[in-house]
C-alpha cells in the first residue's frame, strides 16, 4: 500500500514533467491538496511530507481542521483554501478562518466576505468561479459576467482578487479538454492585464491535471491521487 508521502511525490513529479514539457517552470504550478472528508491524521502525514496548502469543500469540517492544526507548531505555516459552494449563512466562518475562498460567484457573497473579514487578519484572497462548461449542476458564473464581478470585488477593501477558478465537465477527447481549459486561460490573461495583482488560475484535478498545466493553470487541486478515493460510507 502506497503512503501519502509517495503519492505526493508522484503528483509533484507529474507536475514537474508536464511543466517541463510545456516549457514552464514547475514552481509556477502550486499543488493544493484537497483534504475534504479526510481525517486529520492523513493531513498530518501530508504535512510531514512537506505539503502546506490544503483545500476544503465543507465549511464546518474545514474550520474544525483549521482549528485543530492552529493549536500545533506547524499550524502557522499552513494555508487553507475554501473550494466548495458557499451559502450566505456560512460566509462568516469562511471569512474568519480561511486564507482563500476560490468559489466567489456573486457580488452578495463577496460583500459578505468583505464585511465579515476580521480587521486583524490579512486580506482574504478570492477567486471568481467560472462555470466554463455551462453545467446547471455546478456553481459559477458565465465568462461574460466575470469582468463586472471582478470590478466590484476589486473595490472591496478586505478582499484581494487573485484570479479565476473552474471545474470543467469531464472531456474524453484531449483536444476538446484542452480547448475548454484554454478558454479559462484566455480569460485569466485578460483579467491579469487589467489587474496586475491577479496571479492565480485554479483548474485541474487528478484526471485532467496535465491538460490544465498545458493550458496555463497555476494551481491544481488534487485529492484522489494524494489521499485516495473518498469514503462516504456511514461510520
C-alpha atoms as a PDB file:
ATOM      1  CA  UNK A   1       0.000   0.000   0.000  1.00  0.00           C
ATOM      2  CA  UNK A   2       1.419   3.368  -1.029  1.00  0.00           C
ATOM      3  CA  UNK A   3       1.944   6.098   1.519  1.00  0.00           C
ATOM      4  CA  UNK A   4       0.706   9.674   1.266  1.00  0.00           C
ATOM      5  CA  UNK A   5       4.330  10.772   1.044  1.00  0.00           C
ATOM      6  CA  UNK A   6       4.845   8.550  -2.026  1.00  0.00           C
ATOM      7  CA  UNK A   7       1.604   9.790  -3.572  1.00  0.00           C
ATOM      8  CA  UNK A   8       2.624  13.407  -3.057  1.00  0.00           C
ATOM      9  CA  UNK A   9       5.965  12.768  -4.682  1.00  0.00           C
ATOM     10  CA  UNK A  10       4.244  11.129  -7.654  1.00  0.00           C
ATOM     11  CA  UNK A  11       1.972  14.155  -8.081  1.00  0.00           C
ATOM     12  CA  UNK A  12       4.906  16.550  -7.804  1.00  0.00           C
ATOM     13  CA  UNK A  13       6.728  14.524 -10.439  1.00  0.00           C
ATOM     14  CA  UNK A  14       3.679  14.712 -12.728  1.00  0.00           C
ATOM     15  CA  UNK A  15       3.582  18.481 -12.293  1.00  0.00           C
ATOM     16  CA  UNK A  16       7.310  18.807 -12.990  1.00  0.00           C
ATOM     17  CA  UNK A  17       7.219  16.537 -16.042  1.00  0.00           C
ATOM     18  CA  UNK A  18       4.279  18.320 -17.658  1.00  0.00           C
ATOM     19  CA  UNK A  19       5.624  21.758 -16.805  1.00  0.00           C
ATOM     20  CA  UNK A  20       8.954  20.972 -18.440  1.00  0.00           C
ATOM     21  CA  UNK A  21       7.193  19.503 -21.474  1.00  0.00           C
ATOM     22  CA  UNK A  22       5.280  22.797 -21.842  1.00  0.00           C
ATOM     23  CA  UNK A  23       8.438  24.876 -21.298  1.00  0.00           C
ATOM     24  CA  UNK A  24       7.111  26.069 -17.971  1.00  0.00           C
ATOM     25  CA  UNK A  25       8.859  26.204 -14.602  1.00  0.00           C
ATOM     26  CA  UNK A  26       7.372  23.623 -12.181  1.00  0.00           C
ATOM     27  CA  UNK A  27       7.368  26.224  -9.417  1.00  0.00           C
ATOM     28  CA  UNK A  28       4.765  28.159 -11.408  1.00  0.00           C
ATOM     29  CA  UNK A  29       2.193  25.495 -10.502  1.00  0.00           C
ATOM     30  CA  UNK A  30       1.013  25.334  -6.891  1.00  0.00           C
ATOM     31  CA  UNK A  31      -0.195  21.994  -5.565  1.00  0.00           C
ATOM     32  CA  UNK A  32      -3.346  22.296  -3.483  1.00  0.00           C
ATOM     33  CA  UNK A  33      -4.086  19.071  -1.593  1.00  0.00           C
ATOM     34  CA  UNK A  34      -7.853  18.548  -1.449  1.00  0.00           C
ATOM     35  CA  UNK A  35      -8.405  17.090   2.002  1.00  0.00           C
ATOM     36  CA  UNK A  36     -12.208  17.111   2.209  1.00  0.00           C
ATOM     37  CA  UNK A  37     -13.638  14.149   4.154  1.00  0.00           C
ATOM     38  CA  UNK A  38     -10.116  13.076   5.113  1.00  0.00           C
ATOM     39  CA  UNK A  39      -9.145  12.742   8.792  1.00  0.00           C
ATOM     40  CA  UNK A  40      -6.562  14.976  10.426  1.00  0.00           C
ATOM     41  CA  UNK A  41      -4.188  12.005  10.679  1.00  0.00           C
ATOM     42  CA  UNK A  42      -3.934  11.828   6.884  1.00  0.00           C
ATOM     43  CA  UNK A  43      -3.464  15.581   6.628  1.00  0.00           C
ATOM     44  CA  UNK A  44      -0.713  15.332   9.223  1.00  0.00           C
ATOM     45  CA  UNK A  45       1.031  12.760   7.012  1.00  0.00           C
ATOM     46  CA  UNK A  46       0.868  15.176   4.093  1.00  0.00           C
ATOM     47  CA  UNK A  47       2.232  17.981   6.249  1.00  0.00           C
ATOM     48  CA  UNK A  48       5.113  15.737   7.339  1.00  0.00           C
ATOM     49  CA  UNK A  49       5.818  15.175   3.627  1.00  0.00           C
ATOM     50  CA  UNK A  50       6.099  18.917   3.040  1.00  0.00           C
ATOM     51  CA  UNK A  51       2.596  19.839   1.885  1.00  0.00           C
ATOM     52  CA  UNK A  52       1.375  23.199   3.181  1.00  0.00           C
ATOM     53  CA  UNK A  53      -1.695  24.212   1.120  1.00  0.00           C
ATOM     54  CA  UNK A  54      -4.995  22.386   1.655  1.00  0.00           C
ATOM     55  CA  UNK A  55      -8.463  22.722   0.134  1.00  0.00           C
ATOM     56  CA  UNK A  56     -11.738  22.037   1.929  1.00  0.00           C
ATOM     57  CA  UNK A  57     -15.247  21.843   0.428  1.00  0.00           C
ATOM     58  CA  UNK A  58     -17.367  21.807   3.570  1.00  0.00           C
ATOM     59  CA  UNK A  59     -17.251  24.860   5.801  1.00  0.00           C
ATOM     60  CA  UNK A  60     -17.591  23.372   9.280  1.00  0.00           C
ATOM     61  CA  UNK A  61     -15.341  20.415   8.510  1.00  0.00           C
ATOM     62  CA  UNK A  62     -12.705  22.798   7.218  1.00  0.00           C
ATOM     63  CA  UNK A  63     -12.974  25.090  10.233  1.00  0.00           C
ATOM     64  CA  UNK A  64     -12.571  22.126  12.582  1.00  0.00           C
ATOM     65  CA  UNK A  65      -9.378  21.088  10.805  1.00  0.00           C
ATOM     66  CA  UNK A  66      -8.014  24.632  10.746  1.00  0.00           C
ATOM     67  CA  UNK A  67      -8.584  24.975  14.477  1.00  0.00           C
ATOM     68  CA  UNK A  68      -7.043  21.567  15.151  1.00  0.00           C
ATOM     69  CA  UNK A  69      -3.804  22.401  13.366  1.00  0.00           C
ATOM     70  CA  UNK A  70      -3.726  26.001  14.632  1.00  0.00           C
ATOM     71  CA  UNK A  71      -3.001  24.591  18.072  1.00  0.00           C
ATOM     72  CA  UNK A  72       0.054  22.728  16.754  1.00  0.00           C
ATOM     73  CA  UNK A  73       3.504  24.168  15.939  1.00  0.00           C
ATOM     74  CA  UNK A  74       3.125  23.503  12.190  1.00  0.00           C
ATOM     75  CA  UNK A  75      -0.242  25.259  12.068  1.00  0.00           C
ATOM     76  CA  UNK A  76       1.105  28.729  11.349  1.00  0.00           C
ATOM     77  CA  UNK A  77       2.753  27.545   8.122  1.00  0.00           C
ATOM     78  CA  UNK A  78      -0.426  26.076   6.628  1.00  0.00           C
ATOM     79  CA  UNK A  79      -2.626  27.768   4.030  1.00  0.00           C
ATOM     80  CA  UNK A  80      -6.294  26.839   3.902  1.00  0.00           C
ATOM     81  CA  UNK A  81      -8.480  27.312   0.818  1.00  0.00           C
ATOM     82  CA  UNK A  82     -12.248  27.044   0.731  1.00  0.00           C
ATOM     83  CA  UNK A  83     -13.135  25.397  -2.579  1.00  0.00           C
ATOM     84  CA  UNK A  84     -16.783  24.351  -2.190  1.00  0.00           C
ATOM     85  CA  UNK A  85     -20.090  26.089  -2.905  1.00  0.00           C
ATOM     86  CA  UNK A  86     -20.625  28.823  -0.324  1.00  0.00           C
ATOM     87  CA  UNK A  87     -24.013  29.664   1.162  1.00  0.00           C
ATOM     88  CA  UNK A  88     -24.601  33.102   2.626  1.00  0.00           C
ATOM     89  CA  UNK A  89     -25.216  31.748   6.115  1.00  0.00           C
ATOM     90  CA  UNK A  90     -21.750  30.154   6.155  1.00  0.00           C
ATOM     91  CA  UNK A  91     -19.794  33.108   4.803  1.00  0.00           C
ATOM     92  CA  UNK A  92     -18.704  34.382   8.236  1.00  0.00           C
ATOM     93  CA  UNK A  93     -16.972  31.101   9.062  1.00  0.00           C
ATOM     94  CA  UNK A  94     -15.033  31.280   5.796  1.00  0.00           C
ATOM     95  CA  UNK A  95     -14.163  34.947   6.305  1.00  0.00           C
ATOM     96  CA  UNK A  96     -12.925  34.340   9.830  1.00  0.00           C
ATOM     97  CA  UNK A  97     -10.906  31.175   9.239  1.00  0.00           C
ATOM     98  CA  UNK A  98      -9.695  30.646   5.675  1.00  0.00           C
ATOM     99  CA  UNK A  99      -6.899  32.397   3.781  1.00  0.00           C
ATOM    100  CA  UNK A 100      -8.558  31.839   0.404  1.00  0.00           C
ATOM    101  CA  UNK A 101     -12.078  31.491  -0.974  1.00  0.00           C
ATOM    102  CA  UNK A 102     -11.959  30.090  -4.511  1.00  0.00           C
ATOM    103  CA  UNK A 103     -15.681  29.951  -5.199  1.00  0.00           C
ATOM    104  CA  UNK A 104     -16.950  33.518  -5.281  1.00  0.00           C
ATOM    105  CA  UNK A 105     -19.661  33.640  -7.949  1.00  0.00           C
ATOM    106  CA  UNK A 106     -21.879  36.557  -6.951  1.00  0.00           C
ATOM    107  CA  UNK A 107     -21.460  40.009  -5.509  1.00  0.00           C
ATOM    108  CA  UNK A 108     -23.588  39.308  -2.427  1.00  0.00           C
ATOM    109  CA  UNK A 109     -21.152  36.618  -1.264  1.00  0.00           C
ATOM    110  CA  UNK A 110     -18.164  38.855  -1.972  1.00  0.00           C
ATOM    111  CA  UNK A 111     -19.707  41.695   0.038  1.00  0.00           C
ATOM    112  CA  UNK A 112     -20.465  39.411   2.978  1.00  0.00           C
ATOM    113  CA  UNK A 113     -16.930  38.018   2.987  1.00  0.00           C
ATOM    114  CA  UNK A 114     -15.571  41.557   2.864  1.00  0.00           C
ATOM    115  CA  UNK A 115     -17.770  42.792   5.723  1.00  0.00           C
ATOM    116  CA  UNK A 116     -17.070  39.733   7.870  1.00  0.00           C
ATOM    117  CA  UNK A 117     -13.300  39.544   7.388  1.00  0.00           C
ATOM    118  CA  UNK A 118     -11.670  40.471  10.724  1.00  0.00           C
ATOM    119  CA  UNK A 119      -9.507  43.586  10.574  1.00  0.00           C
ATOM    120  CA  UNK A 120      -6.767  41.696  12.405  1.00  0.00           C
ATOM    121  CA  UNK A 121      -6.380  39.222   9.538  1.00  0.00           C
ATOM    122  CA  UNK A 122      -4.700  39.627   6.172  1.00  0.00           C
ATOM    123  CA  UNK A 123      -6.913  40.361   3.188  1.00  0.00           C
ATOM    124  CA  UNK A 124      -8.961  37.354   2.108  1.00  0.00           C
ATOM    125  CA  UNK A 125      -7.685  36.040  -1.223  1.00  0.00           C
ATOM    126  CA  UNK A 126     -10.568  35.295  -3.578  1.00  0.00           C
ATOM    127  CA  UNK A 127     -11.031  33.668  -6.951  1.00  0.00           C
ATOM    128  CA  UNK A 128     -14.050  34.079  -9.183  1.00  0.00           C
ATOM    129  CA  UNK A 129     -15.549  30.714 -10.060  1.00  0.00           C
ATOM    130  CA  UNK A 130     -16.413  30.339 -13.732  1.00  0.00           C
ATOM    131  CA  UNK A 131     -18.919  27.746 -14.931  1.00  0.00           C
ATOM    132  CA  UNK A 132     -16.892  27.213 -18.089  1.00  0.00           C
ATOM    133  CA  UNK A 133     -18.897  24.174 -19.233  1.00  0.00           C
ATOM    134  CA  UNK A 134     -22.267  25.825 -18.514  1.00  0.00           C
ATOM    135  CA  UNK A 135     -23.445  22.964 -16.302  1.00  0.00           C
ATOM    136  CA  UNK A 136     -26.625  23.611 -14.348  1.00  0.00           C
ATOM    137  CA  UNK A 137     -25.436  21.355 -11.531  1.00  0.00           C
ATOM    138  CA  UNK A 138     -22.321  23.425 -10.877  1.00  0.00           C
ATOM    139  CA  UNK A 139     -21.773  26.811  -9.295  1.00  0.00           C
ATOM    140  CA  UNK A 140     -20.022  29.649 -11.068  1.00  0.00           C
ATOM    141  CA  UNK A 141     -20.820  32.449 -13.459  1.00  0.00           C
ATOM    142  CA  UNK A 142     -20.580  32.621 -17.228  1.00  0.00           C
ATOM    143  CA  UNK A 143     -17.450  34.214 -18.657  1.00  0.00           C
ATOM    144  CA  UNK A 144     -19.325  37.263 -19.940  1.00  0.00           C
ATOM    145  CA  UNK A 145     -20.350  38.154 -16.363  1.00  0.00           C
ATOM    146  CA  UNK A 146     -16.826  37.932 -14.993  1.00  0.00           C
ATOM    147  CA  UNK A 147     -15.483  41.445 -15.771  1.00  0.00           C
ATOM    148  CA  UNK A 148     -18.280  43.219 -13.890  1.00  0.00           C
ATOM    149  CA  UNK A 149     -17.913  40.975 -10.831  1.00  0.00           C
ATOM    150  CA  UNK A 150     -14.145  41.417 -10.886  1.00  0.00           C
ATOM    151  CA  UNK A 151     -14.505  45.187 -10.939  1.00  0.00           C
ATOM    152  CA  UNK A 152     -16.842  45.056  -7.950  1.00  0.00           C
ATOM    153  CA  UNK A 153     -14.564  42.756  -5.950  1.00  0.00           C
ATOM    154  CA  UNK A 154     -11.502  44.913  -6.540  1.00  0.00           C
ATOM    155  CA  UNK A 155     -13.349  47.793  -4.866  1.00  0.00           C
ATOM    156  CA  UNK A 156     -13.889  45.806  -1.649  1.00  0.00           C
ATOM    157  CA  UNK A 157     -11.159  46.736   0.869  1.00  0.00           C
ATOM    158  CA  UNK A 158     -10.886  43.442   2.754  1.00  0.00           C
ATOM    159  CA  UNK A 159     -10.644  41.188  -0.282  1.00  0.00           C
ATOM    160  CA  UNK A 160      -7.784  40.554  -2.683  1.00  0.00           C
ATOM    161  CA  UNK A 161      -8.810  39.370  -6.130  1.00  0.00           C
ATOM    162  CA  UNK A 162      -6.221  36.777  -7.154  1.00  0.00           C
ATOM    163  CA  UNK A 163      -7.776  35.251 -10.261  1.00  0.00           C
ATOM    164  CA  UNK A 164     -10.154  32.597 -11.558  1.00  0.00           C
ATOM    165  CA  UNK A 165     -11.225  29.048 -10.723  1.00  0.00           C
ATOM    166  CA  UNK A 166     -13.129  26.442 -12.740  1.00  0.00           C
ATOM    167  CA  UNK A 167     -14.299  22.835 -12.622  1.00  0.00           C
ATOM    168  CA  UNK A 168     -14.793  21.893 -16.289  1.00  0.00           C
ATOM    169  CA  UNK A 169     -17.004  18.966 -17.173  1.00  0.00           C
ATOM    170  CA  UNK A 170     -15.088  15.742 -17.926  1.00  0.00           C
ATOM    171  CA  UNK A 171     -13.923  15.539 -21.539  1.00  0.00           C
ATOM    172  CA  UNK A 172     -12.724  12.259 -23.024  1.00  0.00           C
ATOM    173  CA  UNK A 173     -11.183  13.786 -26.139  1.00  0.00           C
ATOM    174  CA  UNK A 174      -7.945  15.545 -25.217  1.00  0.00           C
ATOM    175  CA  UNK A 175      -8.138  18.368 -27.808  1.00  0.00           C
ATOM    176  CA  UNK A 176     -11.640  19.245 -26.566  1.00  0.00           C
ATOM    177  CA  UNK A 177     -10.428  19.173 -22.969  1.00  0.00           C
ATOM    178  CA  UNK A 178      -7.545  21.471 -23.871  1.00  0.00           C
ATOM    179  CA  UNK A 179      -9.845  23.839 -25.754  1.00  0.00           C
ATOM    180  CA  UNK A 180     -12.187  24.271 -22.782  1.00  0.00           C
ATOM    181  CA  UNK A 181      -9.286  24.861 -20.408  1.00  0.00           C
ATOM    182  CA  UNK A 182      -7.776  27.254 -22.917  1.00  0.00           C
ATOM    183  CA  UNK A 183     -10.876  29.456 -22.700  1.00  0.00           C
ATOM    184  CA  UNK A 184     -10.182  29.830 -19.000  1.00  0.00           C
ATOM    185  CA  UNK A 185      -6.578  30.790 -19.645  1.00  0.00           C
ATOM    186  CA  UNK A 186      -7.634  33.428 -22.181  1.00  0.00           C
ATOM    187  CA  UNK A 187      -9.983  34.942 -19.594  1.00  0.00           C
ATOM    188  CA  UNK A 188      -7.289  34.768 -16.924  1.00  0.00           C
ATOM    189  CA  UNK A 189      -4.731  36.569 -19.094  1.00  0.00           C
ATOM    190  CA  UNK A 190      -7.250  39.281 -19.939  1.00  0.00           C
ATOM    191  CA  UNK A 191      -8.074  39.733 -16.250  1.00  0.00           C
ATOM    192  CA  UNK A 192      -4.396  39.882 -15.305  1.00  0.00           C
ATOM    193  CA  UNK A 193      -3.767  42.541 -17.923  1.00  0.00           C
ATOM    194  CA  UNK A 194      -6.383  44.726 -16.273  1.00  0.00           C
ATOM    195  CA  UNK A 195      -5.459  43.907 -12.678  1.00  0.00           C
ATOM    196  CA  UNK A 196      -1.702  43.253 -12.283  1.00  0.00           C
ATOM    197  CA  UNK A 197      -2.131  41.617  -8.859  1.00  0.00           C
ATOM    198  CA  UNK A 198      -4.076  38.754 -10.429  1.00  0.00           C
ATOM    199  CA  UNK A 199      -1.780  35.724 -10.498  1.00  0.00           C
ATOM    200  CA  UNK A 200      -3.829  32.548  -9.959  1.00  0.00           C
ATOM    201  CA  UNK A 201      -5.685  30.281 -12.363  1.00  0.00           C
ATOM    202  CA  UNK A 202      -7.029  27.354 -10.339  1.00  0.00           C
ATOM    203  CA  UNK A 203      -8.005  24.450 -12.566  1.00  0.00           C
ATOM    204  CA  UNK A 204      -7.001  20.844 -12.951  1.00  0.00           C
ATOM    205  CA  UNK A 205      -7.695  17.826 -10.771  1.00  0.00           C
ATOM    206  CA  UNK A 206      -6.366  14.274 -10.653  1.00  0.00           C
ATOM    207  CA  UNK A 207      -7.794  13.261 -14.045  1.00  0.00           C
ATOM    208  CA  UNK A 208      -7.059  16.421 -16.041  1.00  0.00           C
ATOM    209  CA  UNK A 209      -4.014  17.863 -14.299  1.00  0.00           C
ATOM    210  CA  UNK A 210      -1.676  17.547 -17.280  1.00  0.00           C
ATOM    211  CA  UNK A 211      -4.116  19.214 -19.681  1.00  0.00           C
ATOM    212  CA  UNK A 212      -4.702  22.011 -17.178  1.00  0.00           C
ATOM    213  CA  UNK A 213      -0.973  22.672 -16.838  1.00  0.00           C
ATOM    214  CA  UNK A 214      -0.624  22.686 -20.612  1.00  0.00           C
ATOM    215  CA  UNK A 215      -3.449  25.236 -20.763  1.00  0.00           C
ATOM    216  CA  UNK A 216      -1.818  27.588 -18.248  1.00  0.00           C
ATOM    217  CA  UNK A 217      -3.091  26.565 -14.822  1.00  0.00           C
ATOM    218  CA  UNK A 218      -1.094  27.976 -11.905  1.00  0.00           C
ATOM    219  CA  UNK A 219      -2.816  25.858  -9.229  1.00  0.00           C
ATOM    220  CA  UNK A 220      -4.011  22.259  -9.425  1.00  0.00           C
ATOM    221  CA  UNK A 221      -6.445  20.851  -6.867  1.00  0.00           C
ATOM    222  CA  UNK A 222      -5.547  17.228  -6.215  1.00  0.00           C
ATOM    223  CA  UNK A 223      -7.362  14.913  -3.830  1.00  0.00           C
ATOM    224  CA  UNK A 224      -7.674  11.328  -5.064  1.00  0.00           C
ATOM    225  CA  UNK A 225      -4.083  10.984  -6.293  1.00  0.00           C
ATOM    226  CA  UNK A 226      -2.833  12.051  -2.838  1.00  0.00           C
ATOM    227  CA  UNK A 227      -5.335  10.701  -0.332  1.00  0.00           C
ATOM    228  CA  UNK A 228      -7.133   8.001  -2.321  1.00  0.00           C
ATOM    229  CA  UNK A 229     -10.814   7.796  -3.159  1.00  0.00           C
ATOM    230  CA  UNK A 230     -13.209   9.432  -0.706  1.00  0.00           C
ATOM    231  CA  UNK A 231     -15.196   7.171   1.583  1.00  0.00           C
ATOM    232  CA  UNK A 232     -18.798   8.333   2.038  1.00  0.00           C
ATOM    233  CA  UNK A 233     -19.985   5.194   3.779  1.00  0.00           C
ATOM    234  CA  UNK A 234     -21.505   5.571   7.277  1.00  0.00           C
ATOM    235  CA  UNK A 235     -19.060   5.388  10.120  1.00  0.00           C
END
